[in-house]
């Protein structure tokens, strides 16, 4: 699995995951439970991982929908 997206905005995560699932790209959301540790203030980013064979296709879906990847 490779990191596709990193953001603190839960709406971007939900939208990106819906787009990926619509394209038939399996994805997994990481760091969901970090909000328990941070008190729900949203300072720790969540990540979406995809299989490395589908990474380029997933990046294209994000670019086509103007979703920033937030990776460094």
PDB file of N, CA and C in Angstrom:
ATOM      1  N   UNK A   1       0.846  -1.179   0.000  1.00  0.00           N
ATOM      2  CA  UNK A   1       0.000   0.000   0.000  1.00  0.00           C
ATOM      3  C   UNK A   1       0.892   1.242   0.000  1.00  0.00           C
ATOM      4  N   UNK A   2       0.444   2.240  -0.762  1.00  0.00           N
ATOM      5  CA  UNK A   2       1.162   3.508  -0.856  1.00  0.00           C
ATOM      6  C   UNK A   2       0.231   4.648  -0.478  1.00  0.00           C
ATOM      7  N   UNK A   3       0.807   5.685   0.112  1.00  0.00           N
ATOM      8  CA  UNK A   3       0.018   6.846   0.507  1.00  0.00           C
ATOM      9  C   UNK A   3      -0.390   7.634  -0.731  1.00  0.00           C
ATOM     10  N   UNK A   4      -1.670   7.901  -0.821  1.00  0.00           N
ATOM     11  CA  UNK A   4      -2.200   8.714  -1.914  1.00  0.00           C
ATOM     12  C   UNK A   4      -2.451  10.136  -1.459  1.00  0.00           C
ATOM     13  N   UNK A   5      -3.042  10.271  -0.289  1.00  0.00           N
ATOM     14  CA  UNK A   5      -3.587  11.557   0.137  1.00  0.00           C
ATOM     15  C   UNK A   5      -3.364  11.730   1.624  1.00  0.00           C
ATOM     16  N   UNK A   6      -3.103  12.986   2.032  1.00  0.00           N
ATOM     17  CA  UNK A   6      -2.938  13.316   3.447  1.00  0.00           C
ATOM     18  C   UNK A   6      -3.630  14.657   3.690  1.00  0.00           C
ATOM     19  N   UNK A   7      -4.573  14.676   4.638  1.00  0.00           N
ATOM     20  CA  UNK A   7      -5.294  15.914   4.928  1.00  0.00           C
ATOM     21  C   UNK A   7      -5.906  15.871   6.322  1.00  0.00           C
ATOM     22  N   UNK A   8      -6.188  17.048   6.861  1.00  0.00           N
ATOM     23  CA  UNK A   8      -6.896  17.137   8.133  1.00  0.00           C
ATOM     24  C   UNK A   8      -8.390  17.387   7.918  1.00  0.00           C
ATOM     25  N   UNK A   9      -8.804  17.521   6.666  1.00  0.00           N
ATOM     26  CA  UNK A   9     -10.200  17.822   6.338  1.00  0.00           C
ATOM     27  C   UNK A   9     -10.983  16.519   6.097  1.00  0.00           C
ATOM     28  N   UNK A  10     -11.899  16.172   7.011  1.00  0.00           N
ATOM     29  CA  UNK A  10     -12.643  14.915   6.857  1.00  0.00           C
ATOM     30  C   UNK A  10     -13.562  14.896   5.632  1.00  0.00           C
ATOM     31  N   UNK A  11     -13.966  16.065   5.136  1.00  0.00           N
ATOM     32  CA  UNK A  11     -14.827  16.090   3.953  1.00  0.00           C
ATOM     33  C   UNK A  11     -14.045  15.702   2.703  1.00  0.00           C
ATOM     34  N   UNK A  12     -12.777  16.094   2.644  1.00  0.00           N
ATOM     35  CA  UNK A  12     -11.937  15.701   1.512  1.00  0.00           C
ATOM     36  C   UNK A  12     -11.701  14.197   1.535  1.00  0.00           C
ATOM     37  N   UNK A  13     -11.474  13.653   2.725  1.00  0.00           N
ATOM     38  CA  UNK A  13     -11.278  12.206   2.859  1.00  0.00           C
ATOM     39  C   UNK A  13     -12.512  11.465   2.347  1.00  0.00           C
ATOM     40  N   UNK A  14     -13.680  11.885   2.796  1.00  0.00           N
ATOM     41  CA  UNK A  14     -14.924  11.206   2.395  1.00  0.00           C
ATOM     42  C   UNK A  14     -15.145  11.312   0.881  1.00  0.00           C
ATOM     43  N   UNK A  15     -14.925  12.495   0.323  1.00  0.00           N
ATOM     44  CA  UNK A  15     -15.110  12.701  -1.115  1.00  0.00           C
ATOM     45  C   UNK A  15     -14.113  11.871  -1.918  1.00  0.00           C
ATOM     46  N   UNK A  16     -12.850  11.890  -1.495  1.00  0.00           N
ATOM     47  CA  UNK A  16     -11.817  11.135  -2.201  1.00  0.00           C
ATOM     48  C   UNK A  16     -12.100   9.642  -2.160  1.00  0.00           C
ATOM     49  N   UNK A  17     -12.511   9.139  -1.015  1.00  0.00           N
ATOM     50  CA  UNK A  17     -12.804   7.713  -0.903  1.00  0.00           C
ATOM     51  C   UNK A  17     -14.001   7.327  -1.775  1.00  0.00           C
ATOM     52  N   UNK A  18     -15.005   8.196  -1.843  1.00  0.00           N
ATOM     53  CA  UNK A  18     -16.164   7.923  -2.700  1.00  0.00           C
ATOM     54  C   UNK A  18     -15.752   7.891  -4.170  1.00  0.00           C
ATOM     55  N   UNK A  19     -14.895   8.822  -4.574  1.00  0.00           N
ATOM     56  CA  UNK A  19     -14.406   8.843  -5.956  1.00  0.00           C
ATOM     57  C   UNK A  19     -13.611   7.581  -6.278  1.00  0.00           C
ATOM     58  N   UNK A  20     -12.726   7.193  -5.376  1.00  0.00           N
ATOM     59  CA  UNK A  20     -11.908   6.000  -5.597  1.00  0.00           C
ATOM     60  C   UNK A  20     -12.771   4.747  -5.688  1.00  0.00           C
ATOM     61  N   UNK A  21     -13.719   4.625  -4.782  1.00  0.00           N
ATOM     62  CA  UNK A  21     -14.598   3.456  -4.813  1.00  0.00           C
ATOM     63  C   UNK A  21     -15.431   3.436  -6.088  1.00  0.00           C
ATOM     64  N   UNK A  22     -15.846   4.611  -6.560  1.00  0.00           N
ATOM     65  CA  UNK A  22     -16.587   4.706  -7.802  1.00  0.00           C
ATOM     66  C   UNK A  22     -15.772   4.263  -9.012  1.00  0.00           C
ATOM     67  N   UNK A  23     -14.449   4.405  -8.915  1.00  0.00           N
ATOM     68  CA  UNK A  23     -13.551   3.978  -9.990  1.00  0.00           C
ATOM     69  C   UNK A  23     -13.084   2.540  -9.801  1.00  0.00           C
ATOM     70  N   UNK A  24     -13.536   1.902  -8.729  1.00  0.00           N
ATOM     71  CA  UNK A  24     -13.140   0.518  -8.471  1.00  0.00           C
ATOM     72  C   UNK A  24     -11.739   0.376  -7.895  1.00  0.00           C
ATOM     73  N   UNK A  25     -11.257   1.437  -7.256  1.00  0.00           N
ATOM     74  CA  UNK A  25      -9.925   1.419  -6.647  1.00  0.00           C
ATOM     75  C   UNK A  25     -10.101   1.200  -5.148  1.00  0.00           C
ATOM     76  N   UNK A  26      -9.566   0.086  -4.656  1.00  0.00           N
ATOM     77  CA  UNK A  26      -9.631  -0.191  -3.222  1.00  0.00           C
ATOM     78  C   UNK A  26      -8.756   0.801  -2.482  1.00  0.00           C
ATOM     79  N   UNK A  27      -9.267   1.303  -1.356  1.00  0.00           N
ATOM     80  CA  UNK A  27      -8.510   2.257  -0.561  1.00  0.00           C
ATOM     81  C   UNK A  27      -8.738   1.980   0.923  1.00  0.00           C
ATOM     82  N   UNK A  28      -7.831   2.492   1.734  1.00  0.00           N
ATOM     83  CA  UNK A  28      -7.893   2.290   3.175  1.00  0.00           C
ATOM     84  C   UNK A  28      -7.556   3.599   3.863  1.00  0.00           C
ATOM     85  N   UNK A  29      -8.366   3.986   4.827  1.00  0.00           N
ATOM     86  CA  UNK A  29      -8.135   5.228   5.566  1.00  0.00           C
ATOM     87  C   UNK A  29      -7.329   4.931   6.822  1.00  0.00           C
ATOM     88  N   UNK A  30      -6.211   5.635   6.972  1.00  0.00           N
ATOM     89  CA  UNK A  30      -5.335   5.473   8.130  1.00  0.00           C
ATOM     90  C   UNK A  30      -5.505   6.653   9.088  1.00  0.00           C
ATOM     91  N   UNK A  31      -5.144   6.427  10.329  1.00  0.00           N
ATOM     92  CA  UNK A  31      -5.087   7.459  11.370  1.00  0.00           C
ATOM     93  C   UNK A  31      -6.459   7.982  11.774  1.00  0.00           C
ATOM     94  N   UNK A  32      -7.493   7.189  11.574  1.00  0.00           N
ATOM     95  CA  UNK A  32      -8.845   7.600  11.925  1.00  0.00           C
ATOM     96  C   UNK A  32      -8.971   7.806  13.434  1.00  0.00           C
ATOM     97  N   UNK A  33      -8.355   6.957  14.203  1.00  0.00           N
ATOM     98  CA  UNK A  33      -8.505   7.018  15.656  1.00  0.00           C
ATOM     99  C   UNK A  33      -7.580   8.016  16.327  1.00  0.00           C
ATOM    100  N   UNK A  34      -6.774   8.730  15.557  1.00  0.00           N
ATOM    101  CA  UNK A  34      -5.911   9.754  16.145  1.00  0.00           C
ATOM    102  C   UNK A  34      -6.728  10.884  16.754  1.00  0.00           C
ATOM    103  N   UNK A  35      -7.966  11.078  16.299  1.00  0.00           N
ATOM    104  CA  UNK A  35      -8.795  12.148  16.850  1.00  0.00           C
ATOM    105  C   UNK A  35      -9.086  11.912  18.327  1.00  0.00           C
ATOM    106  N   UNK A  36      -9.064  10.670  18.772  1.00  0.00           N
ATOM    107  CA  UNK A  36      -9.255  10.365  20.191  1.00  0.00           C
ATOM    108  C   UNK A  36      -8.084  10.926  20.987  1.00  0.00           C
ATOM    109  N   UNK A  37      -6.883  10.781  20.453  1.00  0.00           N
ATOM    110  CA  UNK A  37      -5.693  11.257  21.149  1.00  0.00           C
ATOM    111  C   UNK A  37      -5.574  12.778  21.129  1.00  0.00           C
ATOM    112  N   UNK A  38      -6.031  13.401  20.066  1.00  0.00           N
ATOM    113  CA  UNK A  38      -5.881  14.851  19.924  1.00  0.00           C
ATOM    114  C   UNK A  38      -7.054  15.629  20.504  1.00  0.00           C
ATOM    115  N   UNK A  39      -8.089  14.944  20.924  1.00  0.00           N
ATOM    116  CA  UNK A  39      -9.254  15.618  21.485  1.00  0.00           C
ATOM    117  C   UNK A  39     -10.212  16.128  20.433  1.00  0.00           C
ATOM    118  N   UNK A  40     -10.112  15.630  19.206  1.00  0.00           N
ATOM    119  CA  UNK A  40     -11.050  16.000  18.149  1.00  0.00           C
ATOM    120  C   UNK A  40     -10.828  17.366  17.522  1.00  0.00           C
ATOM    121  N   UNK A  41      -9.633  17.951  17.698  1.00  0.00           N
ATOM    122  CA  UNK A  41      -9.417  19.283  17.142  1.00  0.00           C
ATOM    123  C   UNK A  41      -8.849  19.263  15.727  1.00  0.00           C
ATOM    124  N   UNK A  42      -8.512  18.088  15.209  1.00  0.00           N
ATOM    125  CA  UNK A  42      -8.133  17.963  13.802  1.00  0.00           C
ATOM    126  C   UNK A  42      -6.740  18.403  13.446  1.00  0.00           C
ATOM    127  N   UNK A  43      -5.768  18.232  14.336  1.00  0.00           N
ATOM    128  CA  UNK A  43      -4.403  18.652  14.000  1.00  0.00           C
ATOM    129  C   UNK A  43      -3.588  17.542  13.349  1.00  0.00           C
ATOM    130  N   UNK A  44      -3.975  16.289  13.575  1.00  0.00           N
ATOM    131  CA  UNK A  44      -3.258  15.175  12.951  1.00  0.00           C
ATOM    132  C   UNK A  44      -3.934  14.812  11.640  1.00  0.00           C
ATOM    133  N   UNK A  45      -3.172  14.784  10.556  1.00  0.00           N
ATOM    134  CA  UNK A  45      -3.784  14.451   9.265  1.00  0.00           C
ATOM    135  C   UNK A  45      -4.159  12.978   9.166  1.00  0.00           C
ATOM    136  N   UNK A  46      -5.199  12.726   8.407  1.00  0.00           N
ATOM    137  CA  UNK A  46      -5.579  11.366   8.056  1.00  0.00           C
ATOM    138  C   UNK A  46      -4.997  11.069   6.688  1.00  0.00           C
ATOM    139  N   UNK A  47      -4.800   9.789   6.404  1.00  0.00           N
ATOM    140  CA  UNK A  47      -4.207   9.390   5.131  1.00  0.00           C
ATOM    141  C   UNK A  47      -5.087   8.367   4.444  1.00  0.00           C
ATOM    142  N   UNK A  48      -5.034   8.379   3.123  1.00  0.00           N
ATOM    143  CA  UNK A  48      -5.676   7.338   2.322  1.00  0.00           C
ATOM    144  C   UNK A  48      -4.562   6.572   1.626  1.00  0.00           C
ATOM    145  N   UNK A  49      -4.609   5.252   1.752  1.00  0.00           N
ATOM    146  CA  UNK A  49      -3.648   4.381   1.101  1.00  0.00           C
ATOM    147  C   UNK A  49      -4.332   3.602  -0.007  1.00  0.00           C
ATOM    148  N   UNK A  50      -3.609   3.369  -1.085  1.00  0.00           N
ATOM    149  CA  UNK A  50      -4.098   2.543  -2.192  1.00  0.00           C
ATOM    150  C   UNK A  50      -2.996   1.543  -2.553  1.00  0.00           C
ATOM    151  N   UNK A  51      -3.376   0.481  -3.244  1.00  0.00           N
ATOM    152  CA  UNK A  51      -2.389  -0.495  -3.687  1.00  0.00           C
ATOM    153  C   UNK A  51      -1.452   0.188  -4.668  1.00  0.00           C
ATOM    154  N   UNK A  52      -0.172  -0.130  -4.569  1.00  0.00           N
ATOM    155  CA  UNK A  52       0.816   0.566  -5.393  1.00  0.00           C
ATOM    156  C   UNK A  52       0.572   0.392  -6.894  1.00  0.00           C
ATOM    157  N   UNK A  53      -0.078  -0.687  -7.291  1.00  0.00           N
ATOM    158  CA  UNK A  53      -0.391  -0.886  -8.716  1.00  0.00           C
ATOM    159  C   UNK A  53      -1.450   0.085  -9.218  1.00  0.00           C
ATOM    160  N   UNK A  54      -2.224   0.657  -8.312  1.00  0.00           N
ATOM    161  CA  UNK A  54      -3.308   1.576  -8.702  1.00  0.00           C
ATOM    162  C   UNK A  54      -2.999   3.029  -8.348  1.00  0.00           C
ATOM    163  N   UNK A  55      -1.793   3.293  -7.842  1.00  0.00           N
ATOM    164  CA  UNK A  55      -1.447   4.633  -7.370  1.00  0.00           C
ATOM    165  C   UNK A  55      -1.548   5.688  -8.469  1.00  0.00           C
ATOM    166  N   UNK A  56      -1.011   5.424  -9.627  1.00  0.00           N
ATOM    167  CA  UNK A  56      -1.038   6.412 -10.712  1.00  0.00           C
ATOM    168  C   UNK A  56      -2.470   6.709 -11.129  1.00  0.00           C
ATOM    169  N   UNK A  57      -3.291   5.679 -11.245  1.00  0.00           N
ATOM    170  CA  UNK A  57      -4.697   5.878 -11.594  1.00  0.00           C
ATOM    171  C   UNK A  57      -5.408   6.684 -10.508  1.00  0.00           C
ATOM    172  N   UNK A  58      -5.132   6.378  -9.243  1.00  0.00           N
ATOM    173  CA  UNK A  58      -5.759   7.098  -8.135  1.00  0.00           C
ATOM    174  C   UNK A  58      -5.324   8.563  -8.115  1.00  0.00           C
ATOM    175  N   UNK A  59      -4.048   8.820  -8.386  1.00  0.00           N
ATOM    176  CA  UNK A  59      -3.559  10.204  -8.449  1.00  0.00           C
ATOM    177  C   UNK A  59      -4.260  10.971  -9.564  1.00  0.00           C
ATOM    178  N   UNK A  60      -4.502  10.310 -10.679  1.00  0.00           N
ATOM    179  CA  UNK A  60      -5.192  10.952 -11.801  1.00  0.00           C
ATOM    180  C   UNK A  60      -6.627  11.315 -11.409  1.00  0.00           C
ATOM    181  N   UNK A  61      -7.297  10.425 -10.680  1.00  0.00           N
ATOM    182  CA  UNK A  61      -8.665  10.708 -10.225  1.00  0.00           C
ATOM    183  C   UNK A  61      -8.663  11.929  -9.316  1.00  0.00           C
ATOM    184  N   UNK A  62      -7.684  12.025  -8.414  1.00  0.00           N
ATOM    185  CA  UNK A  62      -7.606  13.174  -7.507  1.00  0.00           C
ATOM    186  C   UNK A  62      -7.332  14.458  -8.292  1.00  0.00           C
ATOM    187  N   UNK A  63      -6.419  14.386  -9.256  1.00  0.00           N
ATOM    188  CA  UNK A  63      -6.082  15.569 -10.056  1.00  0.00           C
ATOM    189  C   UNK A  63      -7.283  16.031 -10.880  1.00  0.00           C
ATOM    190  N   UNK A  64      -8.003  15.079 -11.478  1.00  0.00           N
ATOM    191  CA  UNK A  64      -9.177  15.421 -12.281  1.00  0.00           C
ATOM    192  C   UNK A  64     -10.263  16.105 -11.463  1.00  0.00           C
ATOM    193  N   UNK A  65     -10.305  15.823 -10.172  1.00  0.00           N
ATOM    194  CA  UNK A  65     -11.314  16.419  -9.289  1.00  0.00           C
ATOM    195  C   UNK A  65     -10.746  17.524  -8.409  1.00  0.00           C
ATOM    196  N   UNK A  66      -9.524  17.971  -8.735  1.00  0.00           N
ATOM    197  CA  UNK A  66      -8.861  19.090  -8.058  1.00  0.00           C
ATOM    198  C   UNK A  66      -8.738  18.873  -6.555  1.00  0.00           C
ATOM    199  N   UNK A  67      -8.394  17.658  -6.161  1.00  0.00           N
ATOM    200  CA  UNK A  67      -8.176  17.335  -4.751  1.00  0.00           C
ATOM    201  C   UNK A  67      -6.676  17.345  -4.515  1.00  0.00           C
ATOM    202  N   UNK A  68      -6.202  18.231  -3.624  1.00  0.00           N
ATOM    203  CA  UNK A  68      -4.747  18.275  -3.349  1.00  0.00           C
ATOM    204  C   UNK A  68      -4.340  17.026  -2.574  1.00  0.00           C
ATOM    205  N   UNK A  69      -3.173  16.487  -2.917  1.00  0.00           N
ATOM    206  CA  UNK A  69      -2.706  15.265  -2.273  1.00  0.00           C
ATOM    207  C   UNK A  69      -2.090  15.517  -0.902  1.00  0.00           C
ATOM    208  N   UNK A  70      -1.560  16.693  -0.669  1.00  0.00           N
ATOM    209  CA  UNK A  70      -1.037  17.045   0.645  1.00  0.00           C
ATOM    210  C   UNK A  70       0.180  16.261   1.079  1.00  0.00           C
ATOM    211  N   UNK A  71       0.855  15.621   0.105  1.00  0.00           N
ATOM    212  CA  UNK A  71       2.060  14.862   0.433  1.00  0.00           C
ATOM    213  C   UNK A  71       3.273  15.753   0.257  1.00  0.00           C
ATOM    214  N   UNK A  72       4.320  15.424   0.987  1.00  0.00           N
ATOM    215  CA  UNK A  72       5.576  16.170   0.815  1.00  0.00           C
ATOM    216  C   UNK A  72       6.605  15.320   0.139  1.00  0.00           C
TER     217      UNK A  72
END
